Amino acid sequence: MAIFATHNIGVLIFGILGNIVSFVVFLAPVPTFLRVIKKKSTEGFQSVPYVVALFSGMMWLYYASLKSDETLLITINSFGCVIETIYIAIYITYAPKQARLFTLRLLLLFNFGGFCLVLLLSHFLAEGPTRIKVLGWLNVVVAVSVFAAPLSIIRVVIRTKSVEFMPFPLSFFLTLSAIMWLCYGVLLKDLYVALPNILGLVFGVLQMILYVVYKNKKIAIDQQLPQHKGDIINVVSDDKLSATGTTTVTTAEVQIICTSKNKETVEELDHDQIQHGVEEKNRNHHRNGKSMEDCYSIIEVQPAATVKCEA
């Protein structure tokens, strides 16, 4: 235990607790990347948070290595750098070419070029306490940018009145992590560790308040984060024939599951194709005596427009 020697038992306790909670937070994306490996697709999500998290971990490692009482900061950020590197490697493996190249450019710019620049400038232009102070403020800036990332999710939650994209467990552990490291920094009298975690605590509490407010609200269908939807098609649902022989047809953009044995490739149809498809489907409907529901199981309906066609 000599490696964790400290004059303040509170620093040791909150440092160990901070390591445990941060360990859980670092492992939070594991299910996402297991799905990426299984589907061999990144499904449209971005690599930026992982690249920035890796850069932040590298900066904290450099800062902690210059101080004699920051062993617990070194342990968790060492693990963080390893796990973020694994995430990025998986992303690069399965991402489309354009996203892969963008990620490689980010790594070259921040994690190689940026970190090397900080390393060289701090080594040759600053010494002793001045170097620690410069690195400390740089880490505050990077940490604040990381903690500010949930602002986009908070904006989505307020706009959609839905917590679908803000899981409570993740918000809870992020808040708990900020509390542990804030106490660690205060007890250690390290302003650069404590300061960004004040912001992290504020954002964490705000997320949990929003969760309580909107957890029972109905999900807004028309406001969603970008995501991969698979096969999207415009299909029509025919109502009962009216007395005049006119069928009112409502078009809708839906995600479908074809339950027929021979699954056909489907594409999104434009307005003219919809009308042509309506006529064909009506003729097939009356010829075969089968309803649309025999072929399609409709989910996630988004009404688009209403058109009319002759039966």
C-alpha atoms as a PDB file:
ATOM      1  CA  MET A   1       0.000   0.000   0.000  1.00  0.00           C
ATOM      2  CA  ALA A   2       3.050   2.282   0.050  1.00  0.00           C
ATOM      3  CA  ILE A   3       2.300   3.287  -3.518  1.00  0.00           C
ATOM      4  CA  PHE A   4      -1.002   4.782  -2.305  1.00  0.00           C
ATOM      5  CA  ALA A   5       0.578   6.475   0.698  1.00  0.00           C
ATOM      6  CA  THR A   6      -1.088   9.787   1.570  1.00  0.00           C
ATOM      7  CA  HIS A   7      -1.333  12.107   4.528  1.00  0.00           C
ATOM      8  CA  ASN A   8      -5.107  12.389   4.128  1.00  0.00           C
ATOM      9  CA  ILE A   9      -7.223   9.249   4.451  1.00  0.00           C
ATOM     10  CA  GLY A  10     -10.099  11.067   2.714  1.00  0.00           C
ATOM     11  CA  VAL A  11      -7.982  11.469  -0.420  1.00  0.00           C
ATOM     12  CA  LEU A  12      -7.320   7.715  -0.467  1.00  0.00           C
ATOM     13  CA  ILE A  13     -10.996   6.823   0.075  1.00  0.00           C
ATOM     14  CA  PHE A  14     -12.404   9.169  -2.560  1.00  0.00           C
ATOM     15  CA  GLY A  15      -9.576   8.300  -4.954  1.00  0.00           C
ATOM     16  CA  ILE A  16     -10.358   4.567  -4.747  1.00  0.00           C
ATOM     17  CA  LEU A  17     -14.120   5.205  -5.018  1.00  0.00           C
ATOM     18  CA  GLY A  18     -13.467   7.497  -7.981  1.00  0.00           C
ATOM     19  CA  ASN A  19     -11.480   4.735  -9.673  1.00  0.00           C
ATOM     20  CA  ILE A  20     -14.290   2.219  -9.144  1.00  0.00           C
ATOM     21  CA  VAL A  21     -17.053   4.498 -10.453  1.00  0.00           C
ATOM     22  CA  SER A  22     -14.963   5.736 -13.394  1.00  0.00           C
ATOM     23  CA  PHE A  23     -14.170   2.114 -14.234  1.00  0.00           C
ATOM     24  CA  VAL A  24     -17.922   1.462 -14.604  1.00  0.00           C
ATOM     25  CA  VAL A  25     -18.345   4.607 -16.735  1.00  0.00           C
ATOM     26  CA  PHE A  26     -15.491   3.581 -19.052  1.00  0.00           C
ATOM     27  CA  LEU A  27     -17.164   0.197 -19.588  1.00  0.00           C
ATOM     28  CA  ALA A  28     -20.562   1.716 -20.404  1.00  0.00           C
ATOM     29  CA  PRO A  29     -20.019   1.633 -24.232  1.00  0.00           C
ATOM     30  CA  VAL A  30     -19.149  -2.095 -24.217  1.00  0.00           C
ATOM     31  CA  PRO A  31     -22.671  -3.239 -25.285  1.00  0.00           C
ATOM     32  CA  THR A  32     -22.549  -0.749 -28.167  1.00  0.00           C
ATOM     33  CA  PHE A  33     -19.258  -2.086 -29.478  1.00  0.00           C
ATOM     34  CA  LEU A  34     -20.328  -5.696 -29.017  1.00  0.00           C
ATOM     35  CA  ARG A  35     -23.287  -4.857 -31.274  1.00  0.00           C
ATOM     36  CA  VAL A  36     -20.894  -3.213 -33.752  1.00  0.00           C
ATOM     37  CA  ILE A  37     -18.788  -6.380 -33.871  1.00  0.00           C
ATOM     38  CA  LYS A  38     -21.861  -8.588 -34.223  1.00  0.00           C
ATOM     39  CA  LYS A  39     -23.391  -6.500 -37.025  1.00  0.00           C
ATOM     40  CA  LYS A  40     -20.021  -5.518 -38.531  1.00  0.00           C
ATOM     41  CA  SER A  41     -21.300  -1.958 -38.788  1.00  0.00           C
ATOM     42  CA  THR A  42     -20.895   1.224 -36.733  1.00  0.00           C
ATOM     43  CA  GLU A  43     -24.554   2.050 -37.488  1.00  0.00           C
ATOM     44  CA  GLY A  44     -23.842   5.733 -38.108  1.00  0.00           C
ATOM     45  CA  PHE A  45     -22.580   6.800 -34.658  1.00  0.00           C
ATOM     46  CA  GLN A  46     -19.539   9.057 -34.340  1.00  0.00           C
ATOM     47  CA  SER A  47     -16.021   8.375 -33.073  1.00  0.00           C
ATOM     48  CA  VAL A  48     -15.369  11.916 -31.793  1.00  0.00           C
ATOM     49  CA  PRO A  49     -16.285  11.256 -28.105  1.00  0.00           C
ATOM     50  CA  TYR A  50     -13.847   8.331 -27.930  1.00  0.00           C
ATOM     51  CA  VAL A  51     -11.005  10.236 -29.588  1.00  0.00           C
ATOM     52  CA  VAL A  52     -11.519  13.189 -27.230  1.00  0.00           C
ATOM     53  CA  ALA A  53     -11.752  10.864 -24.207  1.00  0.00           C
ATOM     54  CA  LEU A  54      -8.451   9.235 -25.220  1.00  0.00           C
ATOM     55  CA  PHE A  55      -6.800  12.645 -25.594  1.00  0.00           C
ATOM     56  CA  SER A  56      -8.128  13.693 -22.176  1.00  0.00           C
ATOM     57  CA  GLY A  57      -6.783  10.503 -20.576  1.00  0.00           C
ATOM     58  CA  MET A  58      -3.352  11.066 -22.123  1.00  0.00           C
ATOM     59  CA  MET A  59      -3.263  14.652 -20.841  1.00  0.00           C
ATOM     60  CA  TRP A  60      -4.225  13.618 -17.302  1.00  0.00           C
ATOM     61  CA  LEU A  61      -1.582  10.904 -17.333  1.00  0.00           C
ATOM     62  CA  TYR A  62       1.082  13.427 -18.272  1.00  0.00           C
ATOM     63  CA  TYR A  63      -0.117  15.860 -15.604  1.00  0.00           C
ATOM     64  CA  ALA A  64      -0.280  13.192 -12.864  1.00  0.00           C
ATOM     65  CA  SER A  65       3.162  11.840 -13.752  1.00  0.00           C
ATOM     66  CA  LEU A  66       4.690  15.215 -12.843  1.00  0.00           C
ATOM     67  CA  LYS A  67       3.244  15.087  -9.322  1.00  0.00           C
ATOM     68  CA  SER A  68       4.130  12.724  -6.501  1.00  0.00           C
ATOM     69  CA  ASP A  69       0.675  12.361  -4.936  1.00  0.00           C
ATOM     70  CA  GLU A  70      -1.520  11.542  -7.967  1.00  0.00           C
ATOM     71  CA  THR A  71      -1.112   7.745  -8.173  1.00  0.00           C
ATOM     72  CA  LEU A  72      -4.869   7.122  -8.175  1.00  0.00           C
ATOM     73  CA  LEU A  73      -5.260   9.557 -11.047  1.00  0.00           C
ATOM     74  CA  ILE A  74      -2.664   7.567 -12.991  1.00  0.00           C
ATOM     75  CA  THR A  75      -4.372   4.197 -12.411  1.00  0.00           C
ATOM     76  CA  ILE A  76      -7.797   5.158 -13.737  1.00  0.00           C
ATOM     77  CA  ASN A  77      -6.501   7.171 -16.687  1.00  0.00           C
ATOM     78  CA  SER A  78      -4.176   4.335 -17.684  1.00  0.00           C
ATOM     79  CA  PHE A  79      -7.183   2.029 -17.851  1.00  0.00           C
ATOM     80  CA  GLY A  80      -9.157   4.733 -19.657  1.00  0.00           C
ATOM     81  CA  CYS A  81      -6.506   5.126 -22.351  1.00  0.00           C
ATOM     82  CA  VAL A  82      -6.390   1.359 -22.932  1.00  0.00           C
ATOM     83  CA  ILE A  83     -10.173   0.908 -23.181  1.00  0.00           C
ATOM     84  CA  GLU A  84     -10.650   4.000 -25.382  1.00  0.00           C
ATOM     85  CA  THR A  85      -7.914   2.730 -27.713  1.00  0.00           C
ATOM     86  CA  ILE A  86      -9.774  -0.578 -28.010  1.00  0.00           C
ATOM     87  CA  TYR A  87     -13.046   1.224 -28.784  1.00  0.00           C
ATOM     88  CA  ILE A  88     -11.395   3.336 -31.474  1.00  0.00           C
ATOM     89  CA  ALA A  89      -9.702   0.287 -33.019  1.00  0.00           C
ATOM     90  CA  ILE A  90     -13.063  -1.495 -33.265  1.00  0.00           C
ATOM     91  CA  TYR A  91     -14.649   1.614 -34.754  1.00  0.00           C
ATOM     92  CA  ILE A  92     -11.949   1.963 -37.407  1.00  0.00           C
ATOM     93  CA  THR A  93     -12.290  -1.727 -38.285  1.00  0.00           C
ATOM     94  CA  TYR A  94     -16.030  -1.601 -39.001  1.00  0.00           C
ATOM     95  CA  ALA A  95     -16.640   2.043 -39.961  1.00  0.00           C
ATOM     96  CA  PRO A  96     -17.329   3.108 -43.573  1.00  0.00           C
ATOM     97  CA  LYS A  97     -14.334   4.441 -45.479  1.00  0.00           C
ATOM     98  CA  GLN A  98     -15.205   8.120 -45.017  1.00  0.00           C
ATOM     99  CA  ALA A  99     -15.801   7.765 -41.251  1.00  0.00           C
ATOM    100  CA  ARG A 100     -12.619   5.696 -40.923  1.00  0.00           C
ATOM    101  CA  LEU A 101     -10.515   8.365 -42.625  1.00  0.00           C
ATOM    102  CA  PHE A 102     -12.106  11.096 -40.507  1.00  0.00           C
ATOM    103  CA  THR A 103     -11.268   9.179 -37.322  1.00  0.00           C
ATOM    104  CA  LEU A 104      -7.674   8.636 -38.419  1.00  0.00           C
ATOM    105  CA  ARG A 105      -7.321  12.367 -39.130  1.00  0.00           C
ATOM    106  CA  LEU A 106      -8.641  13.177 -35.653  1.00  0.00           C
ATOM    107  CA  LEU A 107      -6.177  10.764 -34.067  1.00  0.00           C
ATOM    108  CA  LEU A 108      -3.340  12.298 -36.049  1.00  0.00           C
ATOM    109  CA  LEU A 109      -4.409  15.836 -35.165  1.00  0.00           C
ATOM    110  CA  PHE A 110      -5.214  15.466 -31.454  1.00  0.00           C
ATOM    111  CA  ASN A 111      -3.709  12.295 -30.027  1.00  0.00           C
ATOM    112  CA  PHE A 112      -0.438  12.447 -31.936  1.00  0.00           C
ATOM    113  CA  GLY A 113       0.162  15.984 -33.154  1.00  0.00           C
ATOM    114  CA  GLY A 114      -1.630  17.817 -30.345  1.00  0.00           C
ATOM    115  CA  PHE A 115      -0.212  15.729 -27.522  1.00  0.00           C
ATOM    116  CA  CYS A 116       3.332  15.843 -28.922  1.00  0.00           C
ATOM    117  CA  LEU A 117       3.066  19.620 -29.250  1.00  0.00           C
ATOM    118  CA  VAL A 118       1.954  19.948 -25.615  1.00  0.00           C
ATOM    119  CA  LEU A 119       4.723  17.601 -24.529  1.00  0.00           C
ATOM    120  CA  LEU A 120       7.464  19.515 -26.347  1.00  0.00           C
ATOM    121  CA  LEU A 121       6.282  23.032 -25.462  1.00  0.00           C
ATOM    122  CA  SER A 122       5.739  22.222 -21.789  1.00  0.00           C
ATOM    123  CA  HIS A 123       9.146  20.542 -21.595  1.00  0.00           C
ATOM    124  CA  PHE A 124      11.188  23.316 -23.195  1.00  0.00           C
ATOM    125  CA  LEU A 125       9.209  26.437 -22.315  1.00  0.00           C
ATOM    126  CA  ALA A 126       8.116  25.691 -18.749  1.00  0.00           C
ATOM    127  CA  GLU A 127       9.734  24.173 -15.685  1.00  0.00           C
ATOM    128  CA  GLY A 128       8.689  22.925 -12.241  1.00  0.00           C
ATOM    129  CA  PRO A 129       5.518  24.511 -10.813  1.00  0.00           C
ATOM    130  CA  THR A 130       4.961  26.567 -13.990  1.00  0.00           C
ATOM    131  CA  ARG A 131       4.799  23.419 -16.130  1.00  0.00           C
ATOM    132  CA  ILE A 132       2.292  21.819 -13.740  1.00  0.00           C
ATOM    133  CA  LYS A 133       0.185  24.978 -13.756  1.00  0.00           C
ATOM    134  CA  VAL A 134       0.128  25.172 -17.583  1.00  0.00           C
ATOM    135  CA  LEU A 135      -0.771  21.471 -17.919  1.00  0.00           C
ATOM    136  CA  GLY A 136      -3.377  21.827 -15.192  1.00  0.00           C
ATOM    137  CA  TRP A 137      -5.236  24.588 -17.026  1.00  0.00           C
ATOM    138  CA  LEU A 138      -4.993  22.713 -20.325  1.00  0.00           C
ATOM    139  CA  ASN A 139      -6.550  19.695 -18.625  1.00  0.00           C
ATOM    140  CA  VAL A 140      -9.333  21.878 -17.228  1.00  0.00           C
ATOM    141  CA  VAL A 141     -10.162  23.084 -20.753  1.00  0.00           C
ATOM    142  CA  VAL A 142     -10.180  19.529 -22.163  1.00  0.00           C
ATOM    143  CA  ALA A 143     -12.190  18.161 -19.221  1.00  0.00           C
ATOM    144  CA  VAL A 144     -14.771  20.940 -19.538  1.00  0.00           C
ATOM    145  CA  SER A 145     -15.222  20.099 -23.240  1.00  0.00           C
ATOM    146  CA  VAL A 146     -15.781  16.448 -22.282  1.00  0.00           C
ATOM    147  CA  PHE A 147     -18.290  17.345 -19.557  1.00  0.00           C
ATOM    148  CA  ALA A 148     -20.071  19.746 -21.941  1.00  0.00           C
ATOM    149  CA  ALA A 149     -20.806  16.879 -24.367  1.00  0.00           C
ATOM    150  CA  PRO A 150     -24.090  15.962 -22.586  1.00  0.00           C
ATOM    151  CA  LEU A 151     -25.462  19.407 -23.496  1.00  0.00           C
ATOM    152  CA  SER A 152     -26.531  18.061 -26.896  1.00  0.00           C
ATOM    153  CA  ILE A 153     -28.426  15.201 -25.225  1.00  0.00           C
ATOM    154  CA  ILE A 154     -30.011  17.592 -22.719  1.00  0.00           C
ATOM    155  CA  ARG A 155     -31.198  19.750 -25.634  1.00  0.00           C
ATOM    156  CA  VAL A 156     -32.739  16.696 -27.335  1.00  0.00           C
ATOM    157  CA  VAL A 157     -34.501  15.651 -24.110  1.00  0.00           C
ATOM    158  CA  ILE A 158     -36.014  19.120 -23.631  1.00  0.00           C
ATOM    159  CA  ARG A 159     -37.095  19.357 -27.288  1.00  0.00           C
ATOM    160  CA  THR A 160     -38.604  15.876 -27.534  1.00  0.00           C
ATOM    161  CA  LYS A 161     -39.759  15.641 -23.906  1.00  0.00           C
ATOM    162  CA  SER A 162     -38.364  12.108 -23.963  1.00  0.00           C
ATOM    163  CA  VAL A 163     -35.508  10.467 -22.031  1.00  0.00           C
ATOM    164  CA  GLU A 164     -35.138   7.690 -24.623  1.00  0.00           C
ATOM    165  CA  PHE A 165     -31.612   8.833 -25.489  1.00  0.00           C
ATOM    166  CA  MET A 166     -30.486   9.587 -21.910  1.00  0.00           C
ATOM    167  CA  PRO A 167     -30.301   6.368 -19.841  1.00  0.00           C
ATOM    168  CA  PHE A 168     -30.630   7.066 -16.132  1.00  0.00           C
ATOM    169  CA  PRO A 169     -27.885   4.614 -14.992  1.00  0.00           C
ATOM    170  CA  LEU A 170     -25.266   6.369 -17.153  1.00  0.00           C
ATOM    171  CA  SER A 171     -26.326   9.818 -15.906  1.00  0.00           C
ATOM    172  CA  PHE A 172     -26.233   8.543 -12.326  1.00  0.00           C
ATOM    173  CA  PHE A 173     -22.724   7.082 -12.588  1.00  0.00           C
ATOM    174  CA  LEU A 174     -21.385  10.179 -14.368  1.00  0.00           C
ATOM    175  CA  THR A 175     -22.749  12.319 -11.537  1.00  0.00           C
ATOM    176  CA  LEU A 176     -21.335   9.959  -8.909  1.00  0.00           C
ATOM    177  CA  SER A 177     -17.954  10.034 -10.641  1.00  0.00           C
ATOM    178  CA  ALA A 178     -17.944  13.846 -10.632  1.00  0.00           C
ATOM    179  CA  ILE A 179     -18.735  13.845  -6.889  1.00  0.00           C
ATOM    180  CA  MET A 180     -15.893  11.437  -6.067  1.00  0.00           C
ATOM    181  CA  TRP A 181     -13.272  13.316  -8.076  1.00  0.00           C
ATOM    182  CA  LEU A 182     -14.503  16.685  -6.833  1.00  0.00           C
ATOM    183  CA  CYS A 183     -14.025  15.537  -3.234  1.00  0.00           C
ATOM    184  CA  TYR A 184     -10.665  14.017  -4.176  1.00  0.00           C
ATOM    185  CA  GLY A 185      -9.490  17.290  -5.710  1.00  0.00           C
ATOM    186  CA  VAL A 186     -10.755  19.416  -2.811  1.00  0.00           C
ATOM    187  CA  LEU A 187      -9.144  17.221  -0.138  1.00  0.00           C
ATOM    188  CA  LEU A 188      -5.915  17.052  -2.137  1.00  0.00           C
ATOM    189  CA  LYS A 189      -6.120  20.837  -2.712  1.00  0.00           C
ATOM    190  CA  ASP A 190      -5.751  20.255  -6.450  1.00  0.00           C
ATOM    191  CA  LEU A 191      -7.726  22.988  -8.181  1.00  0.00           C
ATOM    192  CA  TYR A 192      -7.246  21.468 -11.639  1.00  0.00           C
ATOM    193  CA  VAL A 193      -8.909  18.186 -10.634  1.00  0.00           C
ATOM    194  CA  ALA A 194     -11.738  19.779  -8.633  1.00  0.00           C
ATOM    195  CA  LEU A 195     -12.728  22.595 -10.994  1.00  0.00           C
ATOM    196  CA  PRO A 196     -13.971  20.626 -14.052  1.00  0.00           C
ATOM    197  CA  ASN A 197     -15.818  18.172 -11.807  1.00  0.00           C
ATOM    198  CA  ILE A 198     -17.954  21.028 -10.444  1.00  0.00           C
ATOM    199  CA  LEU A 199     -19.288  21.446 -13.977  1.00  0.00           C
ATOM    200  CA  GLY A 200     -19.638  17.677 -14.316  1.00  0.00           C
ATOM    201  CA  LEU A 201     -21.700  17.572 -11.113  1.00  0.00           C
ATOM    202  CA  VAL A 202     -23.991  20.385 -12.320  1.00  0.00           C
ATOM    203  CA  PHE A 203     -24.634  18.677 -15.679  1.00  0.00           C
ATOM    204  CA  GLY A 204     -25.151  15.315 -13.988  1.00  0.00           C
ATOM    205  CA  VAL A 205     -27.742  16.663 -11.551  1.00  0.00           C
ATOM    206  CA  LEU A 206     -29.489  18.468 -14.424  1.00  0.00           C
ATOM    207  CA  GLN A 207     -29.714  15.231 -16.413  1.00  0.00           C
ATOM    208  CA  MET A 208     -31.255  13.355 -13.501  1.00  0.00           C
ATOM    209  CA  ILE A 209     -33.780  16.160 -12.883  1.00  0.00           C
ATOM    210  CA  LEU A 210     -34.780  16.030 -16.557  1.00  0.00           C
ATOM    211  CA  TYR A 211     -35.114  12.265 -16.298  1.00  0.00           C
ATOM    212  CA  VAL A 212     -37.520  12.571 -13.368  1.00  0.00           C
ATOM    213  CA  VAL A 213     -39.535  15.258 -15.207  1.00  0.00           C
ATOM    214  CA  TYR A 214     -39.821  13.481 -18.573  1.00  0.00           C
ATOM    215  CA  LYS A 215     -39.569   9.770 -17.732  1.00  0.00           C
ATOM    216  CA  ASN A 216     -43.342   9.241 -18.045  1.00  0.00           C
ATOM    217  CA  LYS A 217     -43.801  11.457 -21.087  1.00  0.00           C
ATOM    218  CA  LYS A 218     -44.839   9.931 -24.397  1.00  0.00           C
ATOM    219  CA  ILE A 219     -41.937   9.615 -26.836  1.00  0.00           C
ATOM    220  CA  ALA A 220     -42.017  12.213 -29.594  1.00  0.00           C
ATOM    221  CA  ILE A 221     -41.814  10.271 -32.845  1.00  0.00           C
ATOM    222  CA  ASP A 222     -40.736  13.118 -35.107  1.00  0.00           C
ATOM    223  CA  GLN A 223     -37.631  14.041 -33.094  1.00  0.00           C
ATOM    224  CA  GLN A 224     -34.937  11.375 -33.041  1.00  0.00           C
ATOM    225  CA  LEU A 225     -31.178  11.220 -33.000  1.00  0.00           C
ATOM    226  CA  PRO A 226     -29.583  10.131 -36.261  1.00  0.00           C
ATOM    227  CA  GLN A 227     -29.582   6.370 -36.459  1.00  0.00           C
ATOM    228  CA  HIS A 228     -29.473   3.518 -38.910  1.00  0.00           C
ATOM    229  CA  LYS A 229     -32.999   2.399 -39.808  1.00  0.00           C
ATOM    230  CA  GLY A 230     -32.450  -0.436 -42.228  1.00  0.00           C
ATOM    231  CA  ASP A 231     -34.997  -0.711 -45.035  1.00  0.00           C
ATOM    232  CA  ILE A 232     -37.333   2.286 -45.168  1.00  0.00           C
ATOM    233  CA  ILE A 233     -40.294   2.274 -47.497  1.00  0.00           C
ATOM    234  CA  ASN A 234     -43.364   4.355 -48.250  1.00  0.00           C
ATOM    235  CA  VAL A 235     -46.334   2.036 -48.116  1.00  0.00           C
ATOM    236  CA  VAL A 236     -50.071   2.664 -48.367  1.00  0.00           C
ATOM    237  CA  SER A 237     -52.975   1.443 -46.314  1.00  0.00           C
ATOM    238  CA  ASP A 238     -56.296   1.169 -48.112  1.00  0.00           C
ATOM    239  CA  ASP A 239     -59.529   2.034 -46.357  1.00  0.00           C
ATOM    240  CA  LYS A 240     -62.883   0.551 -47.182  1.00  0.00           C
ATOM    241  CA  LEU A 241     -64.250   1.431 -50.604  1.00  0.00           C
ATOM    242  CA  SER A 242     -66.579   4.351 -50.442  1.00  0.00           C
ATOM    243  CA  ALA A 243     -69.978   4.432 -52.091  1.00  0.00           C
ATOM    244  CA  THR A 244     -68.506   6.367 -55.042  1.00  0.00           C
ATOM    245  CA  GLY A 245     -65.903   3.695 -55.706  1.00  0.00           C
ATOM    246  CA  THR A 246     -63.023   5.950 -54.623  1.00  0.00           C
ATOM    247  CA  THR A 247     -60.376   4.671 -52.250  1.00  0.00           C
ATOM    248  CA  THR A 248     -58.694   7.150 -49.900  1.00  0.00           C
ATOM    249  CA  VAL A 249     -55.096   6.154 -49.452  1.00  0.00           C
ATOM    250  CA  THR A 250     -52.833   7.463 -46.697  1.00  0.00           C
ATOM    251  CA  THR A 251     -49.114   7.262 -47.339  1.00  0.00           C
ATOM    252  CA  ALA A 252     -46.774   6.741 -44.429  1.00  0.00           C
ATOM    253  CA  GLU A 253     -43.061   6.331 -43.970  1.00  0.00           C
ATOM    254  CA  VAL A 254     -42.520   3.231 -41.862  1.00  0.00           C
ATOM    255  CA  GLN A 255     -39.940   0.672 -40.964  1.00  0.00           C
ATOM    256  CA  ILE A 256     -41.202  -2.727 -42.122  1.00  0.00           C
ATOM    257  CA  ILE A 257     -40.549  -6.364 -41.552  1.00  0.00           C
ATOM    258  CA  CYS A 258     -41.460  -8.493 -44.553  1.00  0.00           C
ATOM    259  CA  THR A 259     -42.936 -11.755 -43.379  1.00  0.00           C
ATOM    260  CA  SER A 260     -43.262 -13.359 -46.788  1.00  0.00           C
ATOM    261  CA  LYS A 261     -40.918 -16.199 -47.710  1.00  0.00           C
ATOM    262  CA  ASN A 262     -39.295 -14.327 -50.571  1.00  0.00           C
ATOM    263  CA  LYS A 263     -38.110 -11.045 -49.083  1.00  0.00           C
ATOM    264  CA  GLU A 264     -37.750  -8.380 -51.745  1.00  0.00           C
ATOM    265  CA  THR A 265     -35.388  -5.436 -51.717  1.00  0.00           C
ATOM    266  CA  VAL A 266     -37.350  -2.262 -51.110  1.00  0.00           C
ATOM    267  CA  GLU A 267     -36.518   1.361 -51.735  1.00  0.00           C
ATOM    268  CA  GLU A 268     -38.084   4.642 -50.765  1.00  0.00           C
ATOM    269  CA  LEU A 269     -40.615   5.673 -53.394  1.00  0.00           C
ATOM    270  CA  ASP A 270     -41.297   9.174 -54.628  1.00  0.00           C
ATOM    271  CA  HIS A 271     -44.791  10.610 -55.014  1.00  0.00           C
ATOM    272  CA  ASP A 272     -45.371   9.363 -58.564  1.00  0.00           C
ATOM    273  CA  GLN A 273     -44.139   5.878 -57.709  1.00  0.00           C
ATOM    274  CA  ILE A 274     -46.495   5.783 -54.728  1.00  0.00           C
ATOM    275  CA  GLN A 275     -49.552   6.411 -56.916  1.00  0.00           C
ATOM    276  CA  HIS A 276     -48.434   3.755 -59.390  1.00  0.00           C
ATOM    277  CA  GLY A 277     -47.783   1.357 -56.524  1.00  0.00           C
ATOM    278  CA  VAL A 278     -51.216   2.086 -55.057  1.00  0.00           C
ATOM    279  CA  GLU A 279     -52.930   1.066 -58.286  1.00  0.00           C
ATOM    280  CA  GLU A 280     -50.849  -2.108 -58.544  1.00  0.00           C
ATOM    281  CA  LYS A 281     -51.439  -3.049 -54.912  1.00  0.00           C
ATOM    282  CA  ASN A 282     -55.191  -2.461 -55.240  1.00  0.00           C
ATOM    283  CA  ARG A 283     -55.373  -4.680 -58.322  1.00  0.00           C
ATOM    284  CA  ASN A 284     -53.329  -7.403 -56.623  1.00  0.00           C
ATOM    285  CA  HIS A 285     -55.428  -7.024 -53.513  1.00  0.00           C
ATOM    286  CA  HIS A 286     -58.671  -7.759 -55.353  1.00  0.00           C
ATOM    287  CA  ARG A 287     -57.096 -10.399 -57.600  1.00  0.00           C
ATOM    288  CA  ASN A 288     -55.485 -12.445 -54.858  1.00  0.00           C
ATOM    289  CA  GLY A 289     -57.930 -11.732 -52.080  1.00  0.00           C
ATOM    290  CA  LYS A 290     -55.062 -10.946 -49.676  1.00  0.00           C
ATOM    291  CA  SER A 291     -54.628  -7.901 -47.492  1.00  0.00           C
ATOM    292  CA  MET A 292     -51.505  -5.788 -47.097  1.00  0.00           C
ATOM    293  CA  GLU A 293     -51.116  -7.106 -43.552  1.00  0.00           C
ATOM    294  CA  ASP A 294     -50.336 -10.578 -44.977  1.00  0.00           C
ATOM    295  CA  CYS A 295     -47.018  -9.275 -46.278  1.00  0.00           C
ATOM    296  CA  TYR A 296     -46.058  -6.458 -43.971  1.00  0.00           C
ATOM    297  CA  SER A 297     -45.909  -5.974 -40.253  1.00  0.00           C
ATOM    298  CA  ILE A 298     -45.903  -2.219 -39.793  1.00  0.00           C
ATOM    299  CA  ILE A 299     -43.984  -0.477 -37.045  1.00  0.00           C
ATOM    300  CA  GLU A 300     -42.870   3.077 -36.352  1.00  0.00           C
ATOM    301  CA  VAL A 301     -45.504   4.821 -38.488  1.00  0.00           C
ATOM    302  CA  GLN A 302     -44.859   8.432 -39.505  1.00  0.00           C
ATOM    303  CA  PRO A 303     -47.809   9.953 -41.448  1.00  0.00           C
ATOM    304  CA  ALA A 304     -46.661  11.779 -44.587  1.00  0.00           C
ATOM    305  CA  ALA A 305     -49.536  12.718 -46.909  1.00  0.00           C
ATOM    306  CA  THR A 306     -52.966  11.698 -48.165  1.00  0.00           C
ATOM    307  CA  VAL A 307     -53.693  10.953 -51.841  1.00  0.00           C
ATOM    308  CA  LYS A 308     -56.667   9.520 -53.733  1.00  0.00           C
ATOM    309  CA  CYS A 309     -56.818   6.911 -56.437  1.00  0.00           C
ATOM    310  CA  GLU A 310     -59.588   5.188 -58.344  1.00  0.00           C
ATOM    311  CA  ALA A 311     -60.305   1.586 -57.363  1.00  0.00           C
END
